[in-house]
Amino acid sequence: MRTREQRASEKRARVIGRRWRHNPLCRRTDVVEAWTALVVSVVLWTGAPLAGLAAGWWAYDGARSTAAEQRAERHRVLAEIVGGSHASAPRGEGDRRPVERVNVRWAEPGERARTGVTRVPAGAEAGDRTYIWLDREDRIVPAPTSGTVVWQHALAVGACAAGVAVAGVLALHALIRRVAARRRLAEWEREWARTGPEWTRHRT
């Protein structure tokens, strides 16, 4: 004996199947809406993840190339803090640990000592040593992008791309359903205008 769940499942299957089978009650808008629902399902389960994967891979490749260029153009040296602490400021976006801008001095082999300003963790004192990054013109620059940041950037871009794809598909699906509903209502009104007088005449 069939259970209530089995009967409900069979009923849903018959209702869905009516949109696909040819019958007088199946309108063109019903067929279009059914095919649209199928396409939307396929795109949501396959297209959106593929779009996110492609965007993420593109972002990863670009960020990795940028990081490689930065590593090739920058080098790290050991510097000494010589004082001149400035106002504290956040280290960077997403990192609220306090830092200080201080004067540092460094000397590379065969060159005279140079000074500059860099950021160090709050609490550093004169005489402490810290690593700094220099470009080809010996200017203090941020450290090259790390591998963790590259992956975070790629994942963020991929997730955003997948989300945009999902939102776009759902918006298009909603628009198609709205247009189909309007057309279906217009068809009903035309048919009622044609058959309505016959119904009222028979009832009188």
C-alpha atoms as a PDB file:
ATOM      1  CA  MET A   1       0.000   0.000   0.000  1.00  0.00           C
ATOM      2  CA  ARG A   2       1.352   3.396  -0.967  1.00  0.00           C
ATOM      3  CA  THR A   3       2.226   5.872   1.740  1.00  0.00           C
ATOM      4  CA  ARG A   4       1.070   9.490   1.870  1.00  0.00           C
ATOM      5  CA  GLU A   5       4.561  10.672   0.819  1.00  0.00           C
ATOM      6  CA  GLN A   6       4.540   8.397  -2.229  1.00  0.00           C
ATOM      7  CA  ARG A   7       1.120   9.641  -3.313  1.00  0.00           C
ATOM      8  CA  ALA A   8       2.191  13.260  -2.873  1.00  0.00           C
ATOM      9  CA  SER A   9       5.343  12.633  -4.918  1.00  0.00           C
ATOM     10  CA  GLU A  10       3.354  11.025  -7.731  1.00  0.00           C
ATOM     11  CA  LYS A  11       0.919  13.942  -7.708  1.00  0.00           C
ATOM     12  CA  ARG A  12       3.742  16.444  -8.034  1.00  0.00           C
ATOM     13  CA  ALA A  13       5.252  14.432 -10.884  1.00  0.00           C
ATOM     14  CA  ARG A  14       1.894  14.456 -12.730  1.00  0.00           C
ATOM     15  CA  VAL A  15       1.549  18.221 -12.260  1.00  0.00           C
ATOM     16  CA  ILE A  16       5.069  18.873 -13.530  1.00  0.00           C
ATOM     17  CA  GLY A  17       4.641  16.456 -16.404  1.00  0.00           C
ATOM     18  CA  ARG A  18       1.589  18.295 -17.679  1.00  0.00           C
ATOM     19  CA  ARG A  19       3.793  21.193 -18.677  1.00  0.00           C
ATOM     20  CA  TRP A  20       5.924  18.957 -20.844  1.00  0.00           C
ATOM     21  CA  ARG A  21       3.227  16.772 -22.404  1.00  0.00           C
ATOM     22  CA  HIS A  22       1.188  18.083 -25.303  1.00  0.00           C
ATOM     23  CA  ASN A  23      -2.369  18.767 -24.206  1.00  0.00           C
ATOM     24  CA  PRO A  24      -4.994  21.427 -24.937  1.00  0.00           C
ATOM     25  CA  LEU A  25      -4.523  23.040 -21.527  1.00  0.00           C
ATOM     26  CA  CYS A  26      -0.785  23.531 -22.010  1.00  0.00           C
ATOM     27  CA  ARG A  27      -0.125  26.998 -23.366  1.00  0.00           C
ATOM     28  CA  ARG A  28       3.003  28.242 -25.046  1.00  0.00           C
ATOM     29  CA  THR A  29       3.821  30.343 -21.988  1.00  0.00           C
ATOM     30  CA  ASP A  30       3.677  27.208 -19.837  1.00  0.00           C
ATOM     31  CA  VAL A  31       6.201  25.476 -22.094  1.00  0.00           C
ATOM     32  CA  VAL A  32       8.498  28.502 -22.124  1.00  0.00           C
ATOM     33  CA  GLU A  33       8.303  28.773 -18.345  1.00  0.00           C
ATOM     34  CA  ALA A  34       9.045  25.074 -17.895  1.00  0.00           C
ATOM     35  CA  TRP A  35      12.074  25.197 -20.196  1.00  0.00           C
ATOM     36  CA  THR A  36      13.262  28.356 -18.472  1.00  0.00           C
ATOM     37  CA  ALA A  37      13.078  26.658 -15.081  1.00  0.00           C
ATOM     38  CA  LEU A  38      15.156  23.762 -16.440  1.00  0.00           C
ATOM     39  CA  VAL A  39      17.777  26.075 -17.934  1.00  0.00           C
ATOM     40  CA  VAL A  40      17.937  28.102 -14.732  1.00  0.00           C
ATOM     41  CA  SER A  41      18.505  24.952 -12.681  1.00  0.00           C
ATOM     42  CA  VAL A  42      21.332  23.830 -14.957  1.00  0.00           C
ATOM     43  CA  VAL A  43      22.975  27.265 -14.916  1.00  0.00           C
ATOM     44  CA  LEU A  44      22.711  27.601 -11.137  1.00  0.00           C
ATOM     45  CA  TRP A  45      24.261  24.201 -10.491  1.00  0.00           C
ATOM     46  CA  THR A  46      26.913  24.285 -13.203  1.00  0.00           C
ATOM     47  CA  GLY A  47      27.278  27.713 -14.807  1.00  0.00           C
ATOM     48  CA  ALA A  48      27.594  29.784 -11.629  1.00  0.00           C
ATOM     49  CA  PRO A  49      30.301  27.557 -10.069  1.00  0.00           C
ATOM     50  CA  LEU A  50      32.196  27.520 -13.365  1.00  0.00           C
ATOM     51  CA  ALA A  51      31.971  31.318 -13.604  1.00  0.00           C
ATOM     52  CA  GLY A  52      33.281  31.635 -10.055  1.00  0.00           C
ATOM     53  CA  LEU A  53      36.070  29.163 -10.752  1.00  0.00           C
ATOM     54  CA  ALA A  54      37.112  30.956 -13.935  1.00  0.00           C
ATOM     55  CA  ALA A  55      37.060  34.387 -12.283  1.00  0.00           C
ATOM     56  CA  GLY A  56      38.933  33.084  -9.259  1.00  0.00           C
ATOM     57  CA  TRP A  57      41.603  31.462 -11.406  1.00  0.00           C
ATOM     58  CA  TRP A  58      41.989  34.664 -13.454  1.00  0.00           C
ATOM     59  CA  ALA A  59      42.346  36.708 -10.267  1.00  0.00           C
ATOM     60  CA  TYR A  60      44.807  34.212  -8.791  1.00  0.00           C
ATOM     61  CA  ASP A  61      46.958  34.240 -11.910  1.00  0.00           C
ATOM     62  CA  GLY A  62      47.020  38.040 -11.992  1.00  0.00           C
ATOM     63  CA  ALA A  63      47.758  38.413  -8.282  1.00  0.00           C
ATOM     64  CA  ARG A  64      50.467  35.757  -8.438  1.00  0.00           C
ATOM     65  CA  SER A  65      52.146  37.546 -11.353  1.00  0.00           C
ATOM     66  CA  THR A  66      51.992  40.831  -9.466  1.00  0.00           C
ATOM     67  CA  ALA A  67      53.495  39.231  -6.373  1.00  0.00           C
ATOM     68  CA  ALA A  68      56.291  37.713  -8.460  1.00  0.00           C
ATOM     69  CA  GLU A  69      57.075  41.120  -9.980  1.00  0.00           C
ATOM     70  CA  GLN A  70      57.135  42.677  -6.520  1.00  0.00           C
ATOM     71  CA  ARG A  71      59.529  40.034  -5.214  1.00  0.00           C
ATOM     72  CA  ALA A  72      61.786  40.602  -8.213  1.00  0.00           C
ATOM     73  CA  GLU A  73      61.834  44.387  -7.749  1.00  0.00           C
ATOM     74  CA  ARG A  74      62.097  44.542  -3.944  1.00  0.00           C
ATOM     75  CA  HIS A  75      64.615  43.300  -1.436  1.00  0.00           C
ATOM     76  CA  ARG A  76      64.658  43.121   2.341  1.00  0.00           C
ATOM     77  CA  VAL A  77      67.276  44.652   4.623  1.00  0.00           C
ATOM     78  CA  LEU A  78      67.711  44.893   8.372  1.00  0.00           C
ATOM     79  CA  ALA A  79      67.289  48.410   9.760  1.00  0.00           C
ATOM     80  CA  GLU A  80      67.664  50.024  13.166  1.00  0.00           C
ATOM     81  CA  ILE A  81      65.014  52.219  14.748  1.00  0.00           C
ATOM     82  CA  VAL A  82      66.535  55.594  15.564  1.00  0.00           C
ATOM     83  CA  GLY A  83      63.432  57.205  17.087  1.00  0.00           C
ATOM     84  CA  GLY A  84      61.063  59.871  15.883  1.00  0.00           C
ATOM     85  CA  SER A  85      57.868  57.969  16.653  1.00  0.00           C
ATOM     86  CA  HIS A  86      54.782  59.442  14.968  1.00  0.00           C
ATOM     87  CA  ALA A  87      51.049  58.983  15.629  1.00  0.00           C
ATOM     88  CA  SER A  88      49.735  55.444  15.743  1.00  0.00           C
ATOM     89  CA  ALA A  89      47.693  54.191  12.790  1.00  0.00           C
ATOM     90  CA  PRO A  90      46.156  50.898  11.664  1.00  0.00           C
ATOM     91  CA  ARG A  91      48.564  48.504   9.997  1.00  0.00           C
ATOM     92  CA  GLY A  92      46.289  47.896   7.044  1.00  0.00           C
ATOM     93  CA  GLU A  93      42.821  46.972   5.945  1.00  0.00           C
ATOM     94  CA  GLY A  94      41.416  44.148   8.049  1.00  0.00           C
ATOM     95  CA  ASP A  95      44.196  44.471  10.621  1.00  0.00           C
ATOM     96  CA  ARG A  96      43.488  46.870  13.490  1.00  0.00           C
ATOM     97  CA  ARG A  97      46.613  46.208  15.516  1.00  0.00           C
ATOM     98  CA  PRO A  98      48.268  49.544  16.360  1.00  0.00           C
ATOM     99  CA  VAL A  99      51.470  50.475  14.592  1.00  0.00           C
ATOM    100  CA  GLU A 100      53.815  53.436  14.727  1.00  0.00           C
ATOM    101  CA  ARG A 101      55.633  55.340  12.050  1.00  0.00           C
ATOM    102  CA  VAL A 102      59.267  55.619  13.084  1.00  0.00           C
ATOM    103  CA  ASN A 103      62.572  56.718  11.632  1.00  0.00           C
ATOM    104  CA  VAL A 104      64.944  53.899  10.729  1.00  0.00           C
ATOM    105  CA  ARG A 105      68.509  53.723   9.524  1.00  0.00           C
ATOM    106  CA  TRP A 106      70.117  51.050   7.392  1.00  0.00           C
ATOM    107  CA  ALA A 107      73.255  50.508   5.396  1.00  0.00           C
ATOM    108  CA  GLU A 108      73.775  48.005   2.617  1.00  0.00           C
ATOM    109  CA  PRO A 109      77.228  46.525   1.928  1.00  0.00           C
ATOM    110  CA  GLY A 110      79.502  49.068   0.270  1.00  0.00           C
ATOM    111  CA  GLU A 111      77.048  51.945   0.619  1.00  0.00           C
ATOM    112  CA  ARG A 112      76.609  54.796   3.069  1.00  0.00           C
ATOM    113  CA  ALA A 113      73.955  54.724   5.765  1.00  0.00           C
ATOM    114  CA  ARG A 114      70.490  55.911   4.786  1.00  0.00           C
ATOM    115  CA  THR A 115      67.419  56.870   6.783  1.00  0.00           C
ATOM    116  CA  GLY A 116      63.715  56.702   6.157  1.00  0.00           C
ATOM    117  CA  VAL A 117      60.295  56.309   7.747  1.00  0.00           C
ATOM    118  CA  THR A 118      58.459  52.994   8.081  1.00  0.00           C
ATOM    119  CA  ARG A 119      55.777  51.354  10.166  1.00  0.00           C
ATOM    120  CA  VAL A 120      56.551  49.024  13.028  1.00  0.00           C
ATOM    121  CA  PRO A 121      54.409  47.403  15.756  1.00  0.00           C
ATOM    122  CA  ALA A 122      53.466  49.765  18.544  1.00  0.00           C
ATOM    123  CA  GLY A 123      55.859  49.690  21.470  1.00  0.00           C
ATOM    124  CA  ALA A 124      59.074  49.469  19.465  1.00  0.00           C
ATOM    125  CA  GLU A 125      61.891  51.557  20.909  1.00  0.00           C
ATOM    126  CA  ALA A 126      65.011  53.220  19.589  1.00  0.00           C
ATOM    127  CA  GLY A 127      67.766  50.692  19.073  1.00  0.00           C
ATOM    128  CA  ASP A 128      65.399  47.875  18.135  1.00  0.00           C
ATOM    129  CA  ARG A 129      65.889  46.244  14.755  1.00  0.00           C
ATOM    130  CA  THR A 130      63.265  45.550  12.124  1.00  0.00           C
ATOM    131  CA  TYR A 131      63.205  44.378   8.539  1.00  0.00           C
ATOM    132  CA  ILE A 132      62.212  46.805   5.804  1.00  0.00           C
ATOM    133  CA  TRP A 133      61.621  46.369   2.084  1.00  0.00           C
ATOM    134  CA  LEU A 134      63.318  48.554  -0.529  1.00  0.00           C
ATOM    135  CA  ASP A 135      62.673  48.991  -4.235  1.00  0.00           C
ATOM    136  CA  ARG A 136      65.335  49.363  -6.905  1.00  0.00           C
ATOM    137  CA  GLU A 137      65.761  53.037  -6.009  1.00  0.00           C
ATOM    138  CA  ASP A 138      66.250  52.218  -2.319  1.00  0.00           C
ATOM    139  CA  ARG A 139      62.880  53.670  -1.325  1.00  0.00           C
ATOM    140  CA  ILE A 140      60.963  52.022   1.526  1.00  0.00           C
ATOM    141  CA  VAL A 141      57.969  50.135   0.140  1.00  0.00           C
ATOM    142  CA  PRO A 142      55.444  47.609   1.505  1.00  0.00           C
ATOM    143  CA  ALA A 143      56.365  43.948   1.604  1.00  0.00           C
ATOM    144  CA  PRO A 144      55.497  41.887  -1.494  1.00  0.00           C
ATOM    145  CA  THR A 145      52.061  40.311  -1.553  1.00  0.00           C
ATOM    146  CA  SER A 146      52.115  37.018   0.312  1.00  0.00           C
ATOM    147  CA  GLY A 147      50.742  33.738  -0.980  1.00  0.00           C
ATOM    148  CA  THR A 148      47.956  33.847   1.613  1.00  0.00           C
ATOM    149  CA  VAL A 149      46.789  37.236   0.369  1.00  0.00           C
ATOM    150  CA  VAL A 150      46.888  35.970  -3.229  1.00  0.00           C
ATOM    151  CA  TRP A 151      44.606  33.061  -2.340  1.00  0.00           C
ATOM    152  CA  GLN A 152      42.280  35.291  -0.330  1.00  0.00           C
ATOM    153  CA  HIS A 153      41.984  37.653  -3.293  1.00  0.00           C
ATOM    154  CA  ALA A 154      41.271  34.788  -5.685  1.00  0.00           C
ATOM    155  CA  LEU A 155      38.624  33.278  -3.405  1.00  0.00           C
ATOM    156  CA  ALA A 156      36.940  36.653  -2.897  1.00  0.00           C
ATOM    157  CA  VAL A 157      36.805  37.367  -6.636  1.00  0.00           C
ATOM    158  CA  GLY A 158      35.533  33.857  -7.379  1.00  0.00           C
ATOM    159  CA  ALA A 159      32.809  34.087  -4.749  1.00  0.00           C
ATOM    160  CA  CYS A 160      31.721  37.512  -6.002  1.00  0.00           C
ATOM    161  CA  ALA A 161      31.610  36.291  -9.599  1.00  0.00           C
ATOM    162  CA  ALA A 162      29.521  33.256  -8.656  1.00  0.00           C
ATOM    163  CA  GLY A 163      27.179  35.455  -6.619  1.00  0.00           C
ATOM    164  CA  VAL A 164      26.759  37.920  -9.476  1.00  0.00           C
ATOM    165  CA  ALA A 165      26.046  35.054 -11.877  1.00  0.00           C
ATOM    166  CA  VAL A 166      23.403  33.604  -9.547  1.00  0.00           C
ATOM    167  CA  ALA A 167      21.794  37.001  -9.017  1.00  0.00           C
ATOM    168  CA  GLY A 168      21.736  37.679 -12.751  1.00  0.00           C
ATOM    169  CA  VAL A 169      20.190  34.315 -13.588  1.00  0.00           C
ATOM    170  CA  LEU A 170      17.531  34.633 -10.894  1.00  0.00           C
ATOM    171  CA  ALA A 171      16.698  38.180 -11.986  1.00  0.00           C
ATOM    172  CA  LEU A 172      16.340  37.042 -15.610  1.00  0.00           C
ATOM    173  CA  HIS A 173      14.195  34.106 -14.512  1.00  0.00           C
ATOM    174  CA  ALA A 174      11.941  36.429 -12.496  1.00  0.00           C
ATOM    175  CA  LEU A 175      11.604  38.734 -15.500  1.00  0.00           C
ATOM    176  CA  ILE A 176      10.689  35.852 -17.805  1.00  0.00           C
ATOM    177  CA  ARG A 177       8.103  34.567 -15.326  1.00  0.00           C
ATOM    178  CA  ARG A 178       6.619  38.039 -15.007  1.00  0.00           C
ATOM    179  CA  VAL A 179       6.331  38.432 -18.776  1.00  0.00           C
ATOM    180  CA  ALA A 180       4.847  34.931 -19.080  1.00  0.00           C
ATOM    181  CA  ALA A 181       2.297  35.675 -16.354  1.00  0.00           C
ATOM    182  CA  ARG A 182       1.220  38.883 -18.096  1.00  0.00           C
ATOM    183  CA  ARG A 183       0.887  37.116 -21.421  1.00  0.00           C
ATOM    184  CA  ARG A 184      -1.048  34.261 -19.799  1.00  0.00           C
ATOM    185  CA  LEU A 185      -3.421  36.737 -18.174  1.00  0.00           C
ATOM    186  CA  ALA A 186      -3.923  38.518 -21.490  1.00  0.00           C
ATOM    187  CA  GLU A 187      -4.723  35.172 -23.168  1.00  0.00           C
ATOM    188  CA  TRP A 188      -7.265  34.354 -20.458  1.00  0.00           C
ATOM    189  CA  GLU A 189      -8.931  37.744 -20.890  1.00  0.00           C
ATOM    190  CA  ARG A 190      -9.171  37.291 -24.658  1.00  0.00           C
ATOM    191  CA  GLU A 191     -10.629  33.809 -24.284  1.00  0.00           C
ATOM    192  CA  TRP A 192     -13.097  34.961 -21.643  1.00  0.00           C
ATOM    193  CA  ALA A 193     -14.176  37.827 -23.880  1.00  0.00           C
ATOM    194  CA  ARG A 194     -14.906  35.217 -26.547  1.00  0.00           C
ATOM    195  CA  THR A 195     -16.561  32.549 -24.369  1.00  0.00           C
ATOM    196  CA  GLY A 196     -18.007  34.680 -21.581  1.00  0.00           C
ATOM    197  CA  PRO A 197     -21.144  35.763 -23.487  1.00  0.00           C
ATOM    198  CA  GLU A 198     -21.959  32.114 -24.263  1.00  0.00           C
ATOM    199  CA  TRP A 199     -21.766  31.207 -20.568  1.00  0.00           C
ATOM    200  CA  THR A 200     -23.997  34.081 -19.538  1.00  0.00           C
ATOM    201  CA  ARG A 201     -26.491  33.285 -22.301  1.00  0.00           C
ATOM    202  CA  HIS A 202     -26.754  29.640 -21.193  1.00  0.00           C
ATOM    203  CA  ARG A 203     -27.214  30.646 -17.577  1.00  0.00           C
ATOM    204  CA  THR A 204     -30.058  32.989 -18.478  1.00  0.00           C
END
